[in-house]
Amino acid sequence: MLNELPERPTATWRTIVLILSGAIAIQIGLILHVGPEFHGDVARAVNFGRGLSDGSLSVQTHFVNTKTWVGPLLSFHLFELAGPWGLKIFNLLAFLGLFGVQYLTGRRLYDRSTLVLALFLFAFYVGTQRNVMAGEPDDMIAALMFSTGLLIFLQKDRVIGAALLMGVGLLFKFWVAIFFGGFLLFLLSERQWTKLPLAGVSFLVPFACLNLIDGFASLTALLWSADHQSGYTAWKFIGRRLLTTGMLPAVLVAGWTTARAPNRSNRLCFFVPIPYFAYVLINRDAWAASAVMMLCMVYFGFLIGHFLLQSAMLGTGAVRRRVVTGVLAVYLVTSVGLALYDARGSTAPLRAGVGPGIKEIPGDSR
């Protein structure tokens, strides 16, 4: 029973192993169902890396608009080494890393019952499944770097090392900067005034070093991306994405939990991902919501789990257990269904040199 888990560590471990095993089984099933196909962004990234490797493109070519050239180069070499299956195995291994980081984070911040529910919500989240099934290694690396950096801060209280690792994540996806803004909000709420500038400078060090290497091509790409993504999607589409990705319900539940119990743990798990929700609304850019929401669920999951365990709206005792079990069952079935639906018509075989995006290469600006 959910309310007995804090007193039964052995049962907790069995439940966590069951969650992880089930998630891996479903992800492998989705990978086999889709086969050697990926979303178009992966093809563009691999082809950009190919162009960098053979010299037909330079780092000044804005072939992709959400990252630097580091991730595409890594993805191409991984593709060359192990083919499309190598990219998917990498995503699966990165998922295992994220699962471990979430476990260590939750063990430090929450009770066992909340931890178990949060692990379930993240592991079976549709965005997690999509990323592993047909997504970019860049999203997985960026999420892993950021969440590991935040874990270092929680365990060691070393803001410089934590921010440096988060900054490495920025080299793989620009959206990491949005979550870092959430980390700064948390430091501000804690009134840790001296750590704010230390965190900011440390976060920018990896990106600054990369720009010294590529002649500020990465900064140019970031600025171009910020301008290009502004007003990117229609409000109707944003509303649909806020619901189908679960972002809006997650924000509402997380906000309710934090407002009811604004302790340090809840504020951390609310402040870190909430800037992305603000970004979607302010910048009208919802295309990456499912992929980026994977990292949101690492933290929102704890607040949603706390809501499921504590909210009087769900009843008490046996009634609550039945309600929570039903919610989790519907969540699991819906997430797998949405992942399968997403794969229809939105993925294509990945072969270096051809595929989605290759026709979009602009002229080399060297």
Protein backbone atom coordinates (compact mmCIF):
# COMPACT_ATOMS: atom_id res chain seq x y z
CA MET A 1 0.00 0.00 0.00
CA LEU A 2 1.23 3.52 -0.77
CA ASN A 3 1.10 4.76 2.78
CA GLU A 4 3.11 1.77 4.01
CA LEU A 5 6.10 2.29 1.73
CA PRO A 6 8.01 4.62 4.10
CA GLU A 7 8.08 1.85 6.70
CA ARG A 8 9.04 -0.92 4.26
CA PRO A 9 12.33 -0.17 2.46
CA THR A 10 12.44 -3.66 0.93
CA ALA A 11 9.02 -3.16 -0.62
CA THR A 12 10.14 0.23 -1.86
CA TRP A 13 13.14 -1.27 -3.64
CA ARG A 14 11.01 -3.99 -5.20
CA THR A 15 8.58 -1.37 -6.46
CA ILE A 16 11.37 0.79 -7.90
CA VAL A 17 12.92 -2.21 -9.68
CA LEU A 18 9.48 -3.10 -11.06
CA ILE A 19 8.96 0.46 -12.32
CA LEU A 20 12.38 0.55 -13.96
CA SER A 21 11.96 -2.89 -15.52
CA GLY A 22 8.54 -2.01 -16.87
CA ALA A 23 9.75 1.29 -18.30
CA ILE A 24 12.71 -0.36 -20.04
CA ALA A 25 10.48 -3.11 -21.44
CA ILE A 26 8.04 -0.56 -22.87
CA GLN A 27 10.85 1.59 -24.27
CA ILE A 28 12.48 -1.38 -25.96
CA GLY A 29 9.09 -2.34 -27.37
CA LEU A 30 8.61 1.18 -28.74
CA ILE A 31 12.12 1.17 -30.21
CA LEU A 32 11.46 -2.12 -31.99
CA HIS A 33 8.08 -0.85 -33.17
CA VAL A 34 9.57 2.29 -34.74
CA GLY A 35 12.72 0.56 -35.97
CA PRO A 36 15.62 2.64 -37.35
CA GLU A 37 13.47 5.78 -37.59
CA PHE A 38 13.80 9.13 -35.81
CA HIS A 39 12.18 12.52 -35.64
CA GLY A 40 13.41 14.98 -38.25
CA ASP A 41 15.59 16.96 -35.84
CA VAL A 42 17.81 13.92 -35.37
CA ALA A 43 18.41 13.64 -39.11
CA ARG A 44 19.29 17.33 -39.29
CA ALA A 45 21.71 16.99 -36.39
CA VAL A 46 23.43 13.89 -37.80
CA ASN A 47 23.70 15.49 -41.24
CA PHE A 48 25.16 18.64 -39.71
CA GLY A 49 27.74 16.49 -37.93
CA ARG A 50 28.47 14.73 -41.20
CA GLY A 51 29.04 18.06 -42.94
CA LEU A 52 31.39 19.19 -40.19
CA SER A 53 33.34 15.93 -40.38
CA ASP A 54 33.82 15.92 -44.16
CA GLY A 55 34.38 19.67 -44.42
CA SER A 56 31.33 20.44 -46.55
CA LEU A 57 29.92 22.58 -43.73
CA SER A 58 31.46 24.82 -41.11
CA VAL A 59 30.44 25.71 -37.58
CA GLN A 60 29.23 29.02 -39.00
CA THR A 61 26.46 27.23 -40.92
CA HIS A 62 23.21 27.43 -38.99
CA PHE A 63 21.96 24.01 -39.96
CA VAL A 64 20.13 23.47 -36.68
CA ASN A 65 18.64 26.18 -34.50
CA THR A 66 18.41 24.80 -30.98
CA LYS A 67 21.97 23.77 -30.18
CA THR A 68 25.64 24.28 -30.85
CA TRP A 69 27.66 22.04 -33.17
CA VAL A 70 28.93 19.82 -30.33
CA GLY A 71 25.92 17.52 -30.09
CA PRO A 72 25.52 17.00 -33.86
CA LEU A 73 29.19 16.11 -34.19
CA LEU A 74 28.88 13.59 -31.36
CA SER A 75 25.66 12.17 -32.81
CA PHE A 76 27.22 11.70 -36.23
CA HIS A 77 30.22 9.82 -34.86
CA LEU A 78 27.92 7.68 -32.72
CA PHE A 79 25.86 6.97 -35.84
CA GLU A 80 29.00 6.08 -37.79
CA LEU A 81 30.12 3.77 -35.01
CA ALA A 82 26.87 1.92 -34.29
CA GLY A 83 24.24 3.09 -36.76
CA PRO A 84 20.74 4.25 -35.79
CA TRP A 85 20.48 1.56 -33.13
CA GLY A 86 23.53 3.05 -31.44
CA LEU A 87 21.72 6.36 -31.04
CA LYS A 88 18.71 4.63 -29.50
CA ILE A 89 20.86 2.57 -27.14
CA PHE A 90 22.54 5.80 -26.09
CA ASN A 91 19.14 7.34 -25.35
CA LEU A 92 18.17 4.31 -23.30
CA LEU A 93 21.40 4.51 -21.28
CA ALA A 94 20.84 8.23 -20.71
CA PHE A 95 17.34 7.42 -19.44
CA LEU A 96 18.89 5.05 -16.89
CA GLY A 97 21.17 7.87 -15.79
CA LEU A 98 18.24 10.28 -15.41
CA PHE A 99 16.28 7.69 -13.47
CA GLY A 100 19.22 7.28 -11.10
CA VAL A 101 19.63 11.03 -10.67
CA GLN A 102 15.93 11.44 -9.91
CA TYR A 103 16.14 8.63 -7.36
CA LEU A 104 19.10 10.23 -5.58
CA THR A 105 17.41 13.64 -5.69
CA GLY A 106 14.14 12.31 -4.28
CA ARG A 107 15.87 10.26 -1.61
CA ARG A 108 17.38 13.47 -0.32
CA LEU A 109 14.25 15.62 -0.54
CA TYR A 110 11.14 13.43 -0.07
CA ASP A 111 9.74 10.36 1.66
CA ARG A 112 9.75 6.96 -0.01
CA SER A 113 6.14 7.02 -1.16
CA THR A 114 6.54 10.36 -2.93
CA LEU A 115 9.81 9.16 -4.43
CA VAL A 116 8.20 6.01 -5.86
CA LEU A 117 5.34 7.97 -7.43
CA ALA A 118 7.73 10.52 -8.93
CA LEU A 119 9.87 7.77 -10.46
CA PHE A 120 6.74 6.22 -11.98
CA LEU A 121 5.55 9.53 -13.43
CA PHE A 122 8.94 10.27 -15.01
CA ALA A 123 9.70 6.76 -16.25
CA PHE A 124 6.36 6.36 -18.03
CA TYR A 125 5.97 9.96 -19.15
CA VAL A 126 5.16 10.17 -22.85
CA GLY A 127 7.99 12.66 -23.48
CA THR A 128 10.48 10.29 -21.87
CA GLN A 129 9.28 7.47 -24.09
CA ARG A 130 9.37 9.64 -27.21
CA ASN A 131 12.91 10.78 -26.51
CA VAL A 132 14.18 7.25 -25.98
CA MET A 133 12.21 5.85 -28.93
CA ALA A 134 13.06 8.37 -31.64
CA GLY A 135 14.52 11.50 -30.06
CA GLU A 136 17.78 13.37 -30.01
CA PRO A 137 20.72 12.28 -27.87
CA ASP A 138 21.26 16.02 -27.35
CA ASP A 139 18.04 16.31 -25.31
CA MET A 140 19.04 13.33 -23.20
CA ILE A 141 22.57 14.63 -22.55
CA ALA A 142 21.36 18.13 -21.74
CA ALA A 143 18.78 16.83 -19.25
CA LEU A 144 21.32 14.50 -17.65
CA MET A 145 23.96 17.23 -17.29
CA PHE A 146 21.54 19.73 -15.77
CA SER A 147 19.90 17.32 -13.33
CA THR A 148 23.26 15.91 -12.25
CA GLY A 149 24.54 19.42 -11.65
CA LEU A 150 21.53 20.20 -9.47
CA LEU A 151 22.07 16.95 -7.57
CA ILE A 152 25.68 17.97 -6.88
CA PHE A 153 24.40 21.24 -5.46
CA LEU A 154 21.93 19.42 -3.21
CA GLN A 155 24.47 16.91 -1.94
CA LYS A 156 27.62 19.02 -1.72
CA ASP A 157 26.29 22.59 -1.71
CA ARG A 158 28.95 23.43 -4.29
CA VAL A 159 27.39 25.95 -6.61
CA ILE A 160 30.43 26.40 -8.87
CA GLY A 161 30.76 22.72 -9.77
CA ALA A 162 27.02 22.36 -10.12
CA ALA A 163 26.69 25.37 -12.43
CA LEU A 164 29.67 24.27 -14.53
CA LEU A 165 28.01 20.93 -15.20
CA MET A 166 24.73 22.65 -16.04
CA GLY A 167 26.72 24.84 -18.41
CA VAL A 168 28.01 21.75 -20.19
CA GLY A 169 24.37 20.87 -20.82
CA LEU A 170 23.97 24.24 -22.56
CA LEU A 171 26.46 23.08 -25.18
CA PHE A 172 24.00 20.38 -26.21
CA LYS A 173 20.68 22.25 -26.03
CA PHE A 174 20.00 25.96 -25.59
CA TRP A 175 16.87 25.30 -23.51
CA VAL A 176 19.12 24.42 -20.56
CA ALA A 177 19.49 28.17 -20.00
CA ILE A 178 15.76 28.38 -19.22
CA PHE A 179 16.03 25.78 -16.47
CA PHE A 180 19.14 27.45 -15.14
CA GLY A 181 17.02 30.56 -14.73
CA GLY A 182 14.79 28.43 -12.50
CA PHE A 183 17.82 27.43 -10.44
CA LEU A 184 18.66 31.11 -10.00
CA LEU A 185 15.07 31.74 -8.87
CA PHE A 186 15.52 29.07 -6.23
CA LEU A 187 18.79 30.63 -5.01
CA LEU A 188 17.01 33.97 -4.89
CA SER A 189 14.20 32.49 -2.82
CA GLU A 190 16.84 31.11 -0.46
CA ARG A 191 18.51 34.53 -0.27
CA GLN A 192 21.84 33.02 -1.17
CA TRP A 193 23.11 36.32 -2.54
CA THR A 194 26.79 35.37 -2.89
CA LYS A 195 25.98 32.21 -4.81
CA LEU A 196 23.96 33.98 -7.48
CA PRO A 197 26.90 35.60 -9.31
CA LEU A 198 29.10 32.54 -8.76
CA ALA A 199 26.45 30.34 -10.35
CA GLY A 200 25.91 32.71 -13.26
CA VAL A 201 29.60 33.04 -14.14
CA SER A 202 30.29 29.32 -13.71
CA PHE A 203 27.33 28.40 -15.92
CA LEU A 204 28.66 30.54 -18.77
CA VAL A 205 32.24 29.24 -18.65
CA PRO A 206 31.74 26.17 -20.93
CA PHE A 207 29.78 28.22 -23.46
CA ALA A 208 32.39 30.99 -23.40
CA CYS A 209 35.19 28.48 -24.00
CA LEU A 210 33.31 26.97 -26.92
CA ASN A 211 32.88 30.41 -28.48
CA LEU A 212 36.58 31.09 -28.20
CA ILE A 213 37.10 27.88 -30.18
CA ASP A 214 34.51 28.50 -32.91
CA GLY A 215 34.86 32.27 -33.27
CA PHE A 216 31.58 33.00 -31.49
CA ALA A 217 29.59 30.91 -33.96
CA SER A 218 27.74 29.29 -31.06
CA LEU A 219 26.70 32.67 -29.65
CA THR A 220 25.49 33.69 -33.10
CA ALA A 221 23.47 30.48 -33.31
CA LEU A 222 21.95 31.13 -29.87
CA LEU A 223 20.92 34.67 -30.78
CA TRP A 224 19.56 33.55 -34.13
CA SER A 225 17.61 30.77 -32.40
CA ALA A 226 16.11 33.15 -29.84
CA ASP A 227 14.90 35.43 -32.63
CA HIS A 228 13.71 32.58 -34.86
CA GLN A 229 11.76 30.82 -32.11
CA SER A 230 9.90 33.96 -31.04
CA GLY A 231 6.21 33.72 -31.93
CA TYR A 232 6.93 30.31 -33.42
CA THR A 233 3.55 28.66 -32.96
CA ALA A 234 -0.10 29.69 -32.99
CA TRP A 235 -2.01 30.01 -29.71
CA LYS A 236 -4.37 27.21 -30.73
CA PHE A 237 -1.46 24.84 -31.17
CA ILE A 238 0.10 25.97 -27.89
CA GLY A 239 -3.13 25.21 -26.05
CA ARG A 240 -3.26 21.75 -27.57
CA ARG A 241 0.38 21.05 -26.68
CA LEU A 242 -0.08 22.27 -23.12
CA LEU A 243 -2.75 19.60 -22.70
CA THR A 244 -1.33 16.70 -24.75
CA THR A 245 2.10 17.00 -23.12
CA GLY A 246 0.53 17.32 -19.68
CA MET A 247 2.37 20.58 -19.07
CA LEU A 248 -0.64 22.61 -17.96
CA PRO A 249 -2.01 19.98 -15.53
CA ALA A 250 1.50 19.42 -14.15
CA VAL A 251 2.01 23.14 -13.54
CA LEU A 252 -1.36 23.51 -11.84
CA VAL A 253 -0.85 20.53 -9.54
CA ALA A 254 2.75 21.49 -8.79
CA GLY A 255 1.70 25.07 -8.03
CA TRP A 256 -1.10 23.87 -5.72
CA THR A 257 1.29 21.61 -3.82
CA THR A 258 3.92 24.31 -3.44
CA ALA A 259 1.39 26.91 -2.34
CA ARG A 260 0.04 24.55 0.33
CA ALA A 261 3.50 23.58 1.58
CA PRO A 262 6.16 26.11 0.45
CA ASN A 263 9.08 24.25 2.03
CA ARG A 264 12.56 24.15 0.53
CA SER A 265 12.07 20.87 -1.35
CA ASN A 266 8.80 21.96 -2.93
CA ARG A 267 10.13 25.37 -3.89
CA LEU A 268 13.14 23.79 -5.56
CA CYS A 269 11.04 21.33 -7.60
CA PHE A 270 8.64 24.11 -8.60
CA PHE A 271 11.06 26.96 -9.38
CA VAL A 272 13.45 24.92 -11.51
CA PRO A 273 11.00 23.81 -14.26
CA ILE A 274 8.43 26.64 -14.09
CA PRO A 275 10.43 29.07 -16.30
CA TYR A 276 9.92 26.73 -19.23
CA PHE A 277 6.16 27.06 -18.87
CA ALA A 278 6.60 30.84 -18.84
CA TYR A 279 8.86 30.58 -21.90
CA VAL A 280 6.22 28.65 -23.87
CA LEU A 281 3.61 31.32 -23.16
CA ILE A 282 5.81 34.39 -23.56
CA ASN A 283 7.75 33.22 -26.59
CA ARG A 284 4.89 31.21 -28.15
CA ASP A 285 7.16 28.24 -28.79
CA ALA A 286 5.59 24.90 -27.94
CA TRP A 287 7.19 22.54 -30.47
CA ALA A 288 9.72 21.14 -28.01
CA ALA A 289 7.28 20.86 -25.12
CA SER A 290 7.19 17.07 -24.99
CA ALA A 291 10.96 16.64 -25.23
CA VAL A 292 11.76 19.36 -22.72
CA MET A 293 8.92 18.33 -20.41
CA MET A 294 10.93 15.17 -19.76
CA LEU A 295 13.26 17.24 -17.59
CA CYS A 296 10.29 19.10 -16.09
CA MET A 297 8.87 15.78 -14.93
CA VAL A 298 12.07 14.93 -13.07
CA TYR A 299 11.03 17.70 -10.64
CA PHE A 300 7.28 18.18 -11.13
CA GLY A 301 6.91 14.45 -10.49
CA PHE A 302 7.68 14.90 -6.80
CA LEU A 303 5.06 17.61 -6.41
CA ILE A 304 2.45 15.62 -8.31
CA GLY A 305 3.28 12.56 -6.21
CA HIS A 306 2.89 14.59 -3.04
CA PHE A 307 -0.50 15.80 -4.31
CA LEU A 308 -1.66 12.24 -4.98
CA LEU A 309 -0.66 11.20 -1.47
CA GLN A 310 -1.88 14.22 0.49
CA SER A 311 -4.75 15.97 -1.30
CA ALA A 312 -8.09 15.62 0.51
CA MET A 313 -9.78 15.81 -2.90
CA LEU A 314 -8.78 12.19 -3.54
CA GLY A 315 -10.34 10.77 -0.39
CA THR A 316 -8.63 8.82 2.36
CA GLY A 317 -7.51 5.27 3.12
CA ALA A 318 -8.71 2.59 0.72
CA VAL A 319 -10.57 5.13 -1.41
CA ARG A 320 -7.39 7.13 -2.03
CA ARG A 321 -5.44 3.98 -2.87
CA ARG A 322 -8.00 2.96 -5.46
CA VAL A 323 -8.10 6.46 -6.94
CA VAL A 324 -4.31 6.72 -7.14
CA THR A 325 -4.02 3.24 -8.65
CA GLY A 326 -6.63 4.17 -11.26
CA VAL A 327 -4.87 7.45 -12.07
CA LEU A 328 -1.53 5.68 -12.55
CA ALA A 329 -3.11 2.99 -14.73
CA VAL A 330 -4.77 5.58 -16.98
CA TYR A 331 -1.52 7.57 -17.05
CA LEU A 332 0.45 4.52 -18.19
CA VAL A 333 -1.97 3.47 -20.92
CA THR A 334 -2.40 7.03 -22.18
CA SER A 335 1.32 7.75 -22.31
CA VAL A 336 2.09 4.61 -24.30
CA GLY A 337 -0.81 5.33 -26.63
CA LEU A 338 0.38 8.90 -27.24
CA ALA A 339 3.93 7.69 -27.89
CA LEU A 340 2.68 5.22 -30.49
CA TYR A 341 0.47 7.88 -32.07
CA ASP A 342 3.36 10.32 -32.18
CA ALA A 343 5.48 7.84 -34.13
CA ARG A 344 2.92 7.64 -36.95
CA GLY A 345 3.99 9.95 -39.72
CA SER A 346 6.47 11.92 -37.61
CA THR A 347 9.47 9.63 -37.92
CA ALA A 348 11.58 8.54 -40.89
CA PRO A 349 14.57 6.27 -41.51
CA LEU A 350 17.87 7.87 -40.60
CA ARG A 351 20.72 7.64 -43.08
CA ALA A 352 23.61 10.06 -43.02
CA GLY A 353 23.55 12.39 -46.00
CA VAL A 354 19.84 12.04 -46.75
CA GLY A 355 16.58 12.36 -44.91
CA PRO A 356 14.57 15.14 -43.25
CA GLY A 357 16.29 18.48 -43.26
CA ILE A 358 19.06 17.79 -45.76
CA LYS A 359 17.40 20.07 -48.31
CA GLU A 360 17.35 22.87 -45.73
CA ILE A 361 21.11 23.35 -45.60
CA PRO A 362 21.82 27.04 -46.27
CA GLY A 363 24.89 28.12 -48.15
CA ASP A 364 28.12 27.69 -46.25
CA SER A 365 29.03 31.02 -44.69
CA ARG A 366 32.76 30.45 -44.54
